[in-house]
Amino acid sequence: MITIFLGGGPAVVIQAAVTALLLVALTPKSSNLAFPRVVDALVGGVVALIVAWLLLPFNPLRVVDRAARPALNTLANELSVTAAALSDRDPERAQKALDQVQQVEHHMQGLQEALEGGRETATLAPVRWRRRGALSQYVESAQYIEHAVANSGTLIRRTVTALEDDEPVPPSLPSAVAQLSDAVRSLLQELGAGLEPEATRERALRAVSEAGQAYADGVGFSGSVVVAQIRTTASDLLRATGIERVEANRLVRRAVETGKEHSPRTSPVGQPSAESDAGANAPDRPAPERAGGRPAEQPEQPEQADERLGRP
């Protein structure tokens, strides 16, 4: 009862219960058993700590990486399936991806337990002190990985709705989701190897750029939510690589603008786009004339008026 009250872990509670059972069962037959039992427990505990922390400590980074693989691999795979479902306009396939991605939350609990054990070993075992830097990066990334999992779930859910509602799906939208999947895989590889996650950052920003292009090309209501979730998930992945919030948001905004500039429907400031200009593909013809033979003034385009008035 005292062990439970003090918040002991499962192993501590079980050992306390076993000791209590032995004392109750054996005390009538053996006198003064309590003190030798405590001494045995202390000796066994000290030997176990020496072996675990000094002689044969486990590799904390390897244990954490093994615990993270199920969660991140599942997330990356289901994002790939979602990208394929968008390309093929297959809502049932996207729904299956949504059902599978809900299992990631269960894997995240195992990752948290592995992080706690790994942090203790990296702190107490001198042989593993050199792993503390790589492990601390994993520890700091864990909360943002969890956020990315939650946002990806929303992304896939809105993908199902967009496909069921037969909303437009520009080619850049499934490409953006596929880039996000590649970013998750890169994060797993680079964190597990203790490397600087440059590839993760590059692919996350590429996903944002593709999403910005998809938004400029034209998406429906649910499609715009998918674009927003790609942007949010990519920001979470950037934070998981060690980038601060302000810098991550700045990089994401710049990537969005880059994607919009690459969209064929987006034109330079102050110029009408080719698709929005009704006369863009019409043959050249003389402007209508006013009385007196002078050409009539052409009506001012909205974009030109905005530029003249200083509006964005």
C-alpha atoms as a PDB file:
ATOM      1  CA  MET A   1       0.000   0.000   0.000  1.00  0.00           C
ATOM      2  CA  ILE A   2       2.845   2.397   0.787  1.00  0.00           C
ATOM      3  CA  THR A   3       4.511   1.550  -2.542  1.00  0.00           C
ATOM      4  CA  ILE A   4       1.312   2.343  -4.459  1.00  0.00           C
ATOM      5  CA  PHE A   5       0.770   5.532  -2.458  1.00  0.00           C
ATOM      6  CA  LEU A   6       4.302   6.733  -3.296  1.00  0.00           C
ATOM      7  CA  GLY A   7       3.705   6.162  -7.001  1.00  0.00           C
ATOM      8  CA  GLY A   8       5.963   3.165  -7.534  1.00  0.00           C
ATOM      9  CA  GLY A   9       6.093   1.602 -10.978  1.00  0.00           C
ATOM     10  CA  PRO A  10       4.662  -1.853 -11.785  1.00  0.00           C
ATOM     11  CA  ALA A  11       7.946  -3.658 -11.114  1.00  0.00           C
ATOM     12  CA  VAL A  12       8.333  -2.044  -7.675  1.00  0.00           C
ATOM     13  CA  VAL A  13       4.740  -2.812  -6.688  1.00  0.00           C
ATOM     14  CA  ILE A  14       5.089  -6.462  -7.763  1.00  0.00           C
ATOM     15  CA  GLN A  15       8.316  -6.905  -5.815  1.00  0.00           C
ATOM     16  CA  ALA A  16       6.754  -5.391  -2.692  1.00  0.00           C
ATOM     17  CA  ALA A  17       3.781  -7.758  -3.019  1.00  0.00           C
ATOM     18  CA  VAL A  18       6.008 -10.825  -3.489  1.00  0.00           C
ATOM     19  CA  THR A  19       8.083  -9.890  -0.458  1.00  0.00           C
ATOM     20  CA  ALA A  20       4.934  -9.463   1.621  1.00  0.00           C
ATOM     21  CA  LEU A  21       3.650 -12.878   0.543  1.00  0.00           C
ATOM     22  CA  LEU A  22       6.934 -14.546   1.454  1.00  0.00           C
ATOM     23  CA  LEU A  23       6.967 -12.902   4.869  1.00  0.00           C
ATOM     24  CA  VAL A  24       3.384 -13.953   5.595  1.00  0.00           C
ATOM     25  CA  ALA A  25       3.920 -17.520   4.361  1.00  0.00           C
ATOM     26  CA  LEU A  26       7.305 -18.232   5.913  1.00  0.00           C
ATOM     27  CA  THR A  27       7.425 -16.212   9.131  1.00  0.00           C
ATOM     28  CA  PRO A  28       5.592 -18.839  11.272  1.00  0.00           C
ATOM     29  CA  LYS A  29       8.173 -21.466  10.315  1.00  0.00           C
ATOM     30  CA  SER A  30      11.274 -19.270  10.327  1.00  0.00           C
ATOM     31  CA  SER A  31      12.054 -16.695  12.961  1.00  0.00           C
ATOM     32  CA  ASN A  32      13.550 -13.264  12.237  1.00  0.00           C
ATOM     33  CA  LEU A  33      12.964 -13.588   8.481  1.00  0.00           C
ATOM     34  CA  ALA A  34      12.171  -9.921   7.857  1.00  0.00           C
ATOM     35  CA  PHE A  35      15.686  -8.564   8.318  1.00  0.00           C
ATOM     36  CA  PRO A  36      17.513 -11.190   6.140  1.00  0.00           C
ATOM     37  CA  ARG A  37      14.874 -10.664   3.429  1.00  0.00           C
ATOM     38  CA  VAL A  38      15.578  -6.923   3.374  1.00  0.00           C
ATOM     39  CA  VAL A  39      19.344  -7.571   3.215  1.00  0.00           C
ATOM     40  CA  ASP A  40      18.850 -10.013   0.318  1.00  0.00           C
ATOM     41  CA  ALA A  41      16.762  -7.448  -1.538  1.00  0.00           C
ATOM     42  CA  LEU A  42      19.386  -4.733  -1.066  1.00  0.00           C
ATOM     43  CA  VAL A  43      22.248  -6.973  -2.198  1.00  0.00           C
ATOM     44  CA  GLY A  44      20.287  -8.151  -5.231  1.00  0.00           C
ATOM     45  CA  GLY A  45      19.302  -4.603  -6.127  1.00  0.00           C
ATOM     46  CA  VAL A  46      22.874  -3.287  -5.890  1.00  0.00           C
ATOM     47  CA  VAL A  47      24.224  -6.126  -8.038  1.00  0.00           C
ATOM     48  CA  ALA A  48      21.488  -5.556 -10.617  1.00  0.00           C
ATOM     49  CA  LEU A  49      22.286  -1.834 -10.796  1.00  0.00           C
ATOM     50  CA  ILE A  50      26.012  -2.497 -11.193  1.00  0.00           C
ATOM     51  CA  VAL A  51      25.389  -4.926 -14.048  1.00  0.00           C
ATOM     52  CA  ALA A  52      22.763  -2.737 -15.738  1.00  0.00           C
ATOM     53  CA  TRP A  53      24.554   0.605 -15.423  1.00  0.00           C
ATOM     54  CA  LEU A  54      28.264  -0.256 -15.380  1.00  0.00           C
ATOM     55  CA  LEU A  55      28.966  -3.663 -16.914  1.00  0.00           C
ATOM     56  CA  LEU A  56      26.228  -4.339 -19.501  1.00  0.00           C
ATOM     57  CA  PRO A  57      24.061  -1.230 -19.947  1.00  0.00           C
ATOM     58  CA  PHE A  58      21.671  -1.380 -22.896  1.00  0.00           C
ATOM     59  CA  ASN A  59      21.996   1.110 -25.748  1.00  0.00           C
ATOM     60  CA  PRO A  60      19.281   3.684 -24.949  1.00  0.00           C
ATOM     61  CA  LEU A  61      19.179   5.126 -28.466  1.00  0.00           C
ATOM     62  CA  ARG A  62      18.649   1.693 -29.988  1.00  0.00           C
ATOM     63  CA  VAL A  63      15.845   0.893 -27.549  1.00  0.00           C
ATOM     64  CA  VAL A  64      14.092   4.213 -28.198  1.00  0.00           C
ATOM     65  CA  ASP A  65      14.519   3.846 -31.945  1.00  0.00           C
ATOM     66  CA  ARG A  66      13.025   0.352 -31.793  1.00  0.00           C
ATOM     67  CA  ALA A  67      10.042   1.722 -29.862  1.00  0.00           C
ATOM     68  CA  ALA A  68       9.554   4.647 -32.275  1.00  0.00           C
ATOM     69  CA  ARG A  69       9.612   2.540 -35.449  1.00  0.00           C
ATOM     70  CA  PRO A  70       6.085   1.092 -35.192  1.00  0.00           C
ATOM     71  CA  ALA A  71       4.533   4.538 -34.711  1.00  0.00           C
ATOM     72  CA  LEU A  72       6.481   6.417 -37.371  1.00  0.00           C
ATOM     73  CA  ASN A  73       6.447   3.577 -39.904  1.00  0.00           C
ATOM     74  CA  THR A  74       2.679   3.238 -39.567  1.00  0.00           C
ATOM     75  CA  LEU A  75       2.221   6.983 -39.924  1.00  0.00           C
ATOM     76  CA  ALA A  76       4.457   7.150 -43.009  1.00  0.00           C
ATOM     77  CA  ASN A  77       2.776   4.150 -44.641  1.00  0.00           C
ATOM     78  CA  GLU A  78      -0.737   5.468 -44.126  1.00  0.00           C
ATOM     79  CA  LEU A  79       0.217   8.896 -45.466  1.00  0.00           C
ATOM     80  CA  SER A  80       1.529   7.136 -48.582  1.00  0.00           C
ATOM     81  CA  VAL A  81      -1.759   5.251 -48.881  1.00  0.00           C
ATOM     82  CA  THR A  82      -3.638   8.541 -48.500  1.00  0.00           C
ATOM     83  CA  ALA A  83      -1.579  10.135 -51.280  1.00  0.00           C
ATOM     84  CA  ALA A  84      -2.398   7.188 -53.564  1.00  0.00           C
ATOM     85  CA  ALA A  85      -6.084   7.440 -52.623  1.00  0.00           C
ATOM     86  CA  LEU A  86      -6.078  11.119 -53.588  1.00  0.00           C
ATOM     87  CA  SER A  87      -4.457  10.357 -56.925  1.00  0.00           C
ATOM     88  CA  ASP A  88      -6.950   7.560 -57.668  1.00  0.00           C
ATOM     89  CA  ARG A  89      -9.917   9.404 -56.082  1.00  0.00           C
ATOM     90  CA  ASP A  90     -10.576   6.333 -53.897  1.00  0.00           C
ATOM     91  CA  PRO A  91     -12.371   7.291 -50.644  1.00  0.00           C
ATOM     92  CA  GLU A  92     -12.537   3.678 -49.400  1.00  0.00           C
ATOM     93  CA  ARG A  93      -8.780   3.371 -49.541  1.00  0.00           C
ATOM     94  CA  ALA A  94      -8.412   6.644 -47.632  1.00  0.00           C
ATOM     95  CA  GLN A  95     -10.859   5.351 -45.009  1.00  0.00           C
ATOM     96  CA  LYS A  96      -8.726   2.228 -44.507  1.00  0.00           C
ATOM     97  CA  ALA A  97      -5.698   4.469 -43.979  1.00  0.00           C
ATOM     98  CA  LEU A  98      -7.653   6.422 -41.363  1.00  0.00           C
ATOM     99  CA  ASP A  99      -8.561   3.204 -39.529  1.00  0.00           C
ATOM    100  CA  GLN A 100      -4.917   2.115 -39.483  1.00  0.00           C
ATOM    101  CA  VAL A 101      -3.443   5.433 -38.385  1.00  0.00           C
ATOM    102  CA  GLN A 102      -5.506   5.331 -35.195  1.00  0.00           C
ATOM    103  CA  GLN A 103      -3.216   2.520 -34.002  1.00  0.00           C
ATOM    104  CA  VAL A 104      -0.290   4.933 -33.878  1.00  0.00           C
ATOM    105  CA  GLU A 105      -1.504   6.375 -30.571  1.00  0.00           C
ATOM    106  CA  HIS A 106      -1.040   2.949 -28.966  1.00  0.00           C
ATOM    107  CA  HIS A 107       2.539   2.794 -30.243  1.00  0.00           C
ATOM    108  CA  MET A 108       3.233   6.283 -28.893  1.00  0.00           C
ATOM    109  CA  GLN A 109       2.685   5.041 -25.334  1.00  0.00           C
ATOM    110  CA  GLY A 110       5.448   2.468 -25.803  1.00  0.00           C
ATOM    111  CA  LEU A 111       7.722   5.216 -27.122  1.00  0.00           C
ATOM    112  CA  GLN A 112       7.183   7.305 -24.002  1.00  0.00           C
ATOM    113  CA  GLU A 113       8.079   4.355 -21.756  1.00  0.00           C
ATOM    114  CA  ALA A 114      11.215   3.658 -23.785  1.00  0.00           C
ATOM    115  CA  LEU A 115      12.238   7.309 -23.549  1.00  0.00           C
ATOM    116  CA  GLU A 116      11.953   7.257 -19.764  1.00  0.00           C
ATOM    117  CA  GLY A 117      14.100   4.135 -19.458  1.00  0.00           C
ATOM    118  CA  GLY A 118      16.609   5.378 -21.999  1.00  0.00           C
ATOM    119  CA  ARG A 119      16.974   8.703 -20.257  1.00  0.00           C
ATOM    120  CA  GLU A 120      17.735   6.983 -16.947  1.00  0.00           C
ATOM    121  CA  THR A 121      20.374   4.761 -18.534  1.00  0.00           C
ATOM    122  CA  ALA A 122      22.014   7.631 -20.438  1.00  0.00           C
ATOM    123  CA  THR A 123      22.184   9.616 -17.180  1.00  0.00           C
ATOM    124  CA  LEU A 124      23.454   6.919 -14.829  1.00  0.00           C
ATOM    125  CA  ALA A 125      25.558   4.612 -17.022  1.00  0.00           C
ATOM    126  CA  PRO A 126      28.992   6.167 -17.778  1.00  0.00           C
ATOM    127  CA  VAL A 127      29.410   3.896 -20.804  1.00  0.00           C
ATOM    128  CA  ARG A 128      26.335   5.501 -22.418  1.00  0.00           C
ATOM    129  CA  TRP A 129      27.001   9.134 -21.583  1.00  0.00           C
ATOM    130  CA  ARG A 130      28.084   9.825 -25.152  1.00  0.00           C
ATOM    131  CA  ARG A 131      24.533   8.931 -26.256  1.00  0.00           C
ATOM    132  CA  ARG A 132      22.943  11.643 -24.152  1.00  0.00           C
ATOM    133  CA  GLY A 133      23.008  14.243 -26.931  1.00  0.00           C
ATOM    134  CA  ALA A 134      21.257  12.057 -29.511  1.00  0.00           C
ATOM    135  CA  LEU A 135      18.809  10.767 -26.916  1.00  0.00           C
ATOM    136  CA  SER A 136      17.931  14.266 -25.705  1.00  0.00           C
ATOM    137  CA  GLN A 137      17.041  15.178 -29.299  1.00  0.00           C
ATOM    138  CA  TYR A 138      14.682  12.183 -29.377  1.00  0.00           C
ATOM    139  CA  VAL A 139      13.174  13.237 -26.043  1.00  0.00           C
ATOM    140  CA  GLU A 140      12.580  16.791 -27.255  1.00  0.00           C
ATOM    141  CA  SER A 141      11.114  15.491 -30.530  1.00  0.00           C
ATOM    142  CA  ALA A 142       8.622  13.121 -28.890  1.00  0.00           C
ATOM    143  CA  GLN A 143       5.940  15.711 -28.118  1.00  0.00           C
ATOM    144  CA  TYR A 144       6.075  17.136 -31.651  1.00  0.00           C
ATOM    145  CA  ILE A 145       5.906  13.639 -33.129  1.00  0.00           C
ATOM    146  CA  GLU A 146       2.758  13.129 -31.086  1.00  0.00           C
ATOM    147  CA  HIS A 147       1.319  16.387 -32.451  1.00  0.00           C
ATOM    148  CA  ALA A 148       2.194  15.316 -36.004  1.00  0.00           C
ATOM    149  CA  VAL A 149       0.336  12.032 -35.470  1.00  0.00           C
ATOM    150  CA  ALA A 150      -2.801  13.856 -34.287  1.00  0.00           C
ATOM    151  CA  ASN A 151      -2.709  16.374 -37.158  1.00  0.00           C
ATOM    152  CA  SER A 152      -2.119  13.617 -39.704  1.00  0.00           C
ATOM    153  CA  GLY A 153      -5.232  11.872 -38.446  1.00  0.00           C
ATOM    154  CA  THR A 154      -7.252  15.005 -39.155  1.00  0.00           C
ATOM    155  CA  LEU A 155      -5.581  15.301 -42.567  1.00  0.00           C
ATOM    156  CA  ILE A 156      -6.615  11.774 -43.559  1.00  0.00           C
ATOM    157  CA  ARG A 157     -10.135  12.218 -42.181  1.00  0.00           C
ATOM    158  CA  ARG A 158     -10.699  15.346 -44.275  1.00  0.00           C
ATOM    159  CA  THR A 159      -9.221  13.553 -47.285  1.00  0.00           C
ATOM    160  CA  VAL A 160     -11.981  10.961 -46.980  1.00  0.00           C
ATOM    161  CA  THR A 161     -14.605  13.729 -46.892  1.00  0.00           C
ATOM    162  CA  ALA A 162     -13.080  15.577 -49.846  1.00  0.00           C
ATOM    163  CA  LEU A 163     -13.146  12.430 -51.980  1.00  0.00           C
ATOM    164  CA  GLU A 164     -16.659  11.488 -50.925  1.00  0.00           C
ATOM    165  CA  ASP A 165     -17.860  15.010 -51.788  1.00  0.00           C
ATOM    166  CA  ASP A 166     -16.119  14.795 -55.186  1.00  0.00           C
ATOM    167  CA  GLU A 167     -14.079  17.935 -54.556  1.00  0.00           C
ATOM    168  CA  PRO A 168     -11.346  18.952 -57.011  1.00  0.00           C
ATOM    169  CA  VAL A 169      -7.947  17.345 -56.339  1.00  0.00           C
ATOM    170  CA  PRO A 170      -5.047  19.150 -58.046  1.00  0.00           C
ATOM    171  CA  PRO A 171      -2.084  16.856 -58.823  1.00  0.00           C
ATOM    172  CA  SER A 172       0.057  18.809 -56.367  1.00  0.00           C
ATOM    173  CA  LEU A 173      -2.155  17.770 -53.421  1.00  0.00           C
ATOM    174  CA  PRO A 174      -1.357  14.011 -53.427  1.00  0.00           C
ATOM    175  CA  SER A 175       2.250  14.955 -54.164  1.00  0.00           C
ATOM    176  CA  ALA A 176       2.292  17.105 -51.006  1.00  0.00           C
ATOM    177  CA  VAL A 177       0.960  14.233 -48.866  1.00  0.00           C
ATOM    178  CA  ALA A 178       3.560  11.882 -50.369  1.00  0.00           C
ATOM    179  CA  GLN A 179       6.330  14.365 -49.519  1.00  0.00           C
ATOM    180  CA  LEU A 180       5.009  14.494 -45.955  1.00  0.00           C
ATOM    181  CA  SER A 181       5.234  10.704 -45.781  1.00  0.00           C
ATOM    182  CA  ASP A 182       8.860  10.855 -46.949  1.00  0.00           C
ATOM    183  CA  ALA A 183       9.602  13.479 -44.278  1.00  0.00           C
ATOM    184  CA  VAL A 184       8.307  11.137 -41.546  1.00  0.00           C
ATOM    185  CA  ARG A 185      10.522   8.300 -42.833  1.00  0.00           C
ATOM    186  CA  SER A 186      13.533  10.602 -42.934  1.00  0.00           C
ATOM    187  CA  LEU A 187      12.868  11.724 -39.365  1.00  0.00           C
ATOM    188  CA  LEU A 188      12.891   8.121 -38.166  1.00  0.00           C
ATOM    189  CA  GLN A 189      16.151   7.331 -39.976  1.00  0.00           C
ATOM    190  CA  GLU A 190      18.011  10.488 -38.948  1.00  0.00           C
ATOM    191  CA  LEU A 191      16.945  10.473 -35.295  1.00  0.00           C
ATOM    192  CA  GLY A 192      17.791   6.765 -34.998  1.00  0.00           C
ATOM    193  CA  ALA A 193      21.260   7.361 -36.429  1.00  0.00           C
ATOM    194  CA  GLY A 194      21.854  10.489 -34.335  1.00  0.00           C
ATOM    195  CA  LEU A 195      22.259  12.628 -37.483  1.00  0.00           C
ATOM    196  CA  GLU A 196      21.291  16.225 -38.170  1.00  0.00           C
ATOM    197  CA  PRO A 197      17.793  15.886 -39.723  1.00  0.00           C
ATOM    198  CA  GLU A 198      18.421  17.966 -42.840  1.00  0.00           C
ATOM    199  CA  ALA A 199      16.512  15.642 -45.201  1.00  0.00           C
ATOM    200  CA  THR A 200      13.471  15.763 -42.918  1.00  0.00           C
ATOM    201  CA  ARG A 201      13.412  19.544 -43.034  1.00  0.00           C
ATOM    202  CA  GLU A 202      13.823  19.646 -46.793  1.00  0.00           C
ATOM    203  CA  ARG A 203      11.003  17.183 -47.464  1.00  0.00           C
ATOM    204  CA  ALA A 204       8.656  18.793 -44.943  1.00  0.00           C
ATOM    205  CA  LEU A 205       9.100  22.193 -46.593  1.00  0.00           C
ATOM    206  CA  ARG A 206       8.679  20.636 -50.021  1.00  0.00           C
ATOM    207  CA  ALA A 207       5.346  19.203 -48.833  1.00  0.00           C
ATOM    208  CA  VAL A 208       4.270  22.676 -47.705  1.00  0.00           C
ATOM    209  CA  SER A 209       5.275  24.171 -51.057  1.00  0.00           C
ATOM    210  CA  GLU A 210       3.267  21.534 -52.950  1.00  0.00           C
ATOM    211  CA  ALA A 211       0.294  22.169 -50.653  1.00  0.00           C
ATOM    212  CA  GLY A 212       0.514  25.901 -51.330  1.00  0.00           C
ATOM    213  CA  GLN A 213       0.475  25.188 -55.052  1.00  0.00           C
ATOM    214  CA  ALA A 214      -2.574  22.923 -54.615  1.00  0.00           C
ATOM    215  CA  TYR A 215      -4.414  25.670 -52.751  1.00  0.00           C
ATOM    216  CA  ALA A 216      -3.629  28.175 -55.497  1.00  0.00           C
ATOM    217  CA  ASP A 217      -4.766  25.687 -58.147  1.00  0.00           C
ATOM    218  CA  GLY A 218      -8.142  25.390 -56.442  1.00  0.00           C
ATOM    219  CA  VAL A 219      -9.489  23.003 -53.798  1.00  0.00           C
ATOM    220  CA  GLY A 220     -12.818  22.565 -52.051  1.00  0.00           C
ATOM    221  CA  PHE A 221     -13.665  23.151 -48.400  1.00  0.00           C
ATOM    222  CA  SER A 222     -12.305  19.820 -47.132  1.00  0.00           C
ATOM    223  CA  GLY A 223      -9.362  20.139 -49.502  1.00  0.00           C
ATOM    224  CA  SER A 224      -8.428  23.450 -47.904  1.00  0.00           C
ATOM    225  CA  VAL A 225      -8.466  21.717 -44.506  1.00  0.00           C
ATOM    226  CA  VAL A 226      -6.130  19.043 -45.906  1.00  0.00           C
ATOM    227  CA  VAL A 227      -3.792  21.811 -47.086  1.00  0.00           C
ATOM    228  CA  ALA A 228      -3.896  23.441 -43.643  1.00  0.00           C
ATOM    229  CA  GLN A 229      -3.135  20.123 -41.930  1.00  0.00           C
ATOM    230  CA  ILE A 230      -0.189  19.468 -44.246  1.00  0.00           C
ATOM    231  CA  ARG A 231       1.172  22.839 -43.234  1.00  0.00           C
ATOM    232  CA  THR A 232       0.595  22.166 -39.517  1.00  0.00           C
ATOM    233  CA  THR A 233       2.046  18.650 -39.627  1.00  0.00           C
ATOM    234  CA  ALA A 234       5.108  19.896 -41.496  1.00  0.00           C
ATOM    235  CA  SER A 235       5.585  22.552 -38.815  1.00  0.00           C
ATOM    236  CA  ASP A 236       5.441  19.807 -36.160  1.00  0.00           C
ATOM    237  CA  LEU A 237       8.102  17.829 -38.024  1.00  0.00           C
ATOM    238  CA  LEU A 238      10.308  20.913 -38.249  1.00  0.00           C
ATOM    239  CA  ARG A 239       9.949  21.394 -34.497  1.00  0.00           C
ATOM    240  CA  ALA A 240      10.859  17.719 -34.035  1.00  0.00           C
ATOM    241  CA  THR A 241      14.137  18.387 -35.862  1.00  0.00           C
ATOM    242  CA  GLY A 242      15.080  21.036 -33.294  1.00  0.00           C
ATOM    243  CA  ILE A 243      13.916  24.225 -35.058  1.00  0.00           C
ATOM    244  CA  GLU A 244      12.328  26.837 -32.799  1.00  0.00           C
ATOM    245  CA  ARG A 245       8.668  27.767 -33.255  1.00  0.00           C
ATOM    246  CA  VAL A 246       9.181  31.226 -34.747  1.00  0.00           C
ATOM    247  CA  GLU A 247      11.744  29.994 -37.266  1.00  0.00           C
ATOM    248  CA  ALA A 248       9.623  26.965 -38.166  1.00  0.00           C
ATOM    249  CA  ASN A 249       6.599  29.170 -38.859  1.00  0.00           C
ATOM    250  CA  ARG A 250       8.716  31.531 -40.955  1.00  0.00           C
ATOM    251  CA  LEU A 251      10.049  28.670 -43.076  1.00  0.00           C
ATOM    252  CA  VAL A 252       6.548  27.284 -43.549  1.00  0.00           C
ATOM    253  CA  ARG A 253       5.143  30.659 -44.647  1.00  0.00           C
ATOM    254  CA  ARG A 254       7.970  31.095 -47.148  1.00  0.00           C
ATOM    255  CA  ALA A 255       7.383  27.595 -48.546  1.00  0.00           C
ATOM    256  CA  VAL A 256       3.656  28.336 -48.960  1.00  0.00           C
ATOM    257  CA  GLU A 257       4.411  31.481 -50.957  1.00  0.00           C
ATOM    258  CA  THR A 258       6.902  29.580 -53.098  1.00  0.00           C
ATOM    259  CA  GLY A 259       4.233  27.006 -53.920  1.00  0.00           C
ATOM    260  CA  LYS A 260       1.719  29.682 -54.860  1.00  0.00           C
ATOM    261  CA  GLU A 261       4.220  31.364 -57.158  1.00  0.00           C
ATOM    262  CA  HIS A 262       4.751  28.072 -59.002  1.00  0.00           C
ATOM    263  CA  SER A 263       1.033  27.559 -59.557  1.00  0.00           C
ATOM    264  CA  PRO A 264      -0.066  28.116 -63.176  1.00  0.00           C
ATOM    265  CA  ARG A 265      -3.151  29.891 -61.896  1.00  0.00           C
ATOM    266  CA  THR A 266      -1.116  32.440 -59.987  1.00  0.00           C
ATOM    267  CA  SER A 267       0.208  35.434 -61.866  1.00  0.00           C
ATOM    268  CA  PRO A 268       2.596  38.254 -60.915  1.00  0.00           C
ATOM    269  CA  VAL A 269       1.202  41.039 -58.751  1.00  0.00           C
ATOM    270  CA  GLY A 270      -0.842  43.529 -60.735  1.00  0.00           C
ATOM    271  CA  GLN A 271      -1.348  41.223 -63.748  1.00  0.00           C
ATOM    272  CA  PRO A 272      -4.480  39.168 -64.446  1.00  0.00           C
ATOM    273  CA  SER A 273      -3.892  35.404 -64.608  1.00  0.00           C
ATOM    274  CA  ALA A 274      -4.283  33.562 -67.867  1.00  0.00           C
ATOM    275  CA  GLU A 275      -7.303  31.634 -66.572  1.00  0.00           C
ATOM    276  CA  SER A 276      -9.070  34.593 -65.022  1.00  0.00           C
ATOM    277  CA  ASP A 277      -8.634  36.870 -68.039  1.00  0.00           C
ATOM    278  CA  ALA A 278     -11.606  36.171 -70.271  1.00  0.00           C
ATOM    279  CA  GLY A 279      -9.867  37.572 -73.305  1.00  0.00           C
ATOM    280  CA  ALA A 280      -6.475  35.985 -72.776  1.00  0.00           C
ATOM    281  CA  ASN A 281      -6.917  33.490 -75.601  1.00  0.00           C
ATOM    282  CA  ALA A 282      -9.022  35.731 -77.855  1.00  0.00           C
ATOM    283  CA  PRO A 283      -7.507  37.040 -81.110  1.00  0.00           C
ATOM    284  CA  ASP A 284      -6.214  40.591 -81.174  1.00  0.00           C
ATOM    285  CA  ARG A 285      -8.880  43.055 -82.176  1.00  0.00           C
ATOM    286  CA  PRO A 286      -8.941  46.853 -82.184  1.00  0.00           C
ATOM    287  CA  ALA A 287     -10.238  48.579 -79.135  1.00  0.00           C
ATOM    288  CA  PRO A 288     -13.683  50.178 -79.467  1.00  0.00           C
ATOM    289  CA  GLU A 289     -13.550  53.811 -80.463  1.00  0.00           C
ATOM    290  CA  ARG A 290     -15.090  56.817 -78.820  1.00  0.00           C
ATOM    291  CA  ALA A 291     -16.825  59.491 -80.747  1.00  0.00           C
ATOM    292  CA  GLY A 292     -14.202  61.421 -82.634  1.00  0.00           C
ATOM    293  CA  GLY A 293     -12.227  58.327 -83.655  1.00  0.00           C
ATOM    294  CA  ARG A 294     -10.154  57.982 -80.478  1.00  0.00           C
ATOM    295  CA  PRO A 295      -9.771  54.570 -78.893  1.00  0.00           C
ATOM    296  CA  ALA A 296     -11.941  54.065 -75.839  1.00  0.00           C
ATOM    297  CA  GLU A 297     -10.169  53.521 -72.506  1.00  0.00           C
ATOM    298  CA  GLN A 298     -10.094  49.931 -71.395  1.00  0.00           C
ATOM    299  CA  PRO A 299     -11.785  49.173 -68.047  1.00  0.00           C
ATOM    300  CA  GLU A 300      -9.334  48.957 -65.210  1.00  0.00           C
ATOM    301  CA  GLN A 301      -8.632  45.415 -64.044  1.00  0.00           C
ATOM    302  CA  PRO A 302      -9.302  44.690 -60.327  1.00  0.00           C
ATOM    303  CA  GLU A 303      -5.684  43.653 -59.791  1.00  0.00           C
ATOM    304  CA  GLN A 304      -4.465  46.916 -61.322  1.00  0.00           C
ATOM    305  CA  ALA A 305      -6.812  48.897 -59.105  1.00  0.00           C
ATOM    306  CA  ASP A 306      -5.565  47.064 -56.032  1.00  0.00           C
ATOM    307  CA  GLU A 307      -1.966  47.772 -56.987  1.00  0.00           C
ATOM    308  CA  ARG A 308      -2.710  51.471 -57.606  1.00  0.00           C
ATOM    309  CA  LEU A 309      -4.451  51.801 -54.226  1.00  0.00           C
ATOM    310  CA  GLY A 310      -1.719  49.942 -52.414  1.00  0.00           C
ATOM    311  CA  ARG A 311      -3.905  46.991 -51.439  1.00  0.00           C
ATOM    312  CA  PRO A 312      -2.423  43.454 -51.402  1.00  0.00           C
END
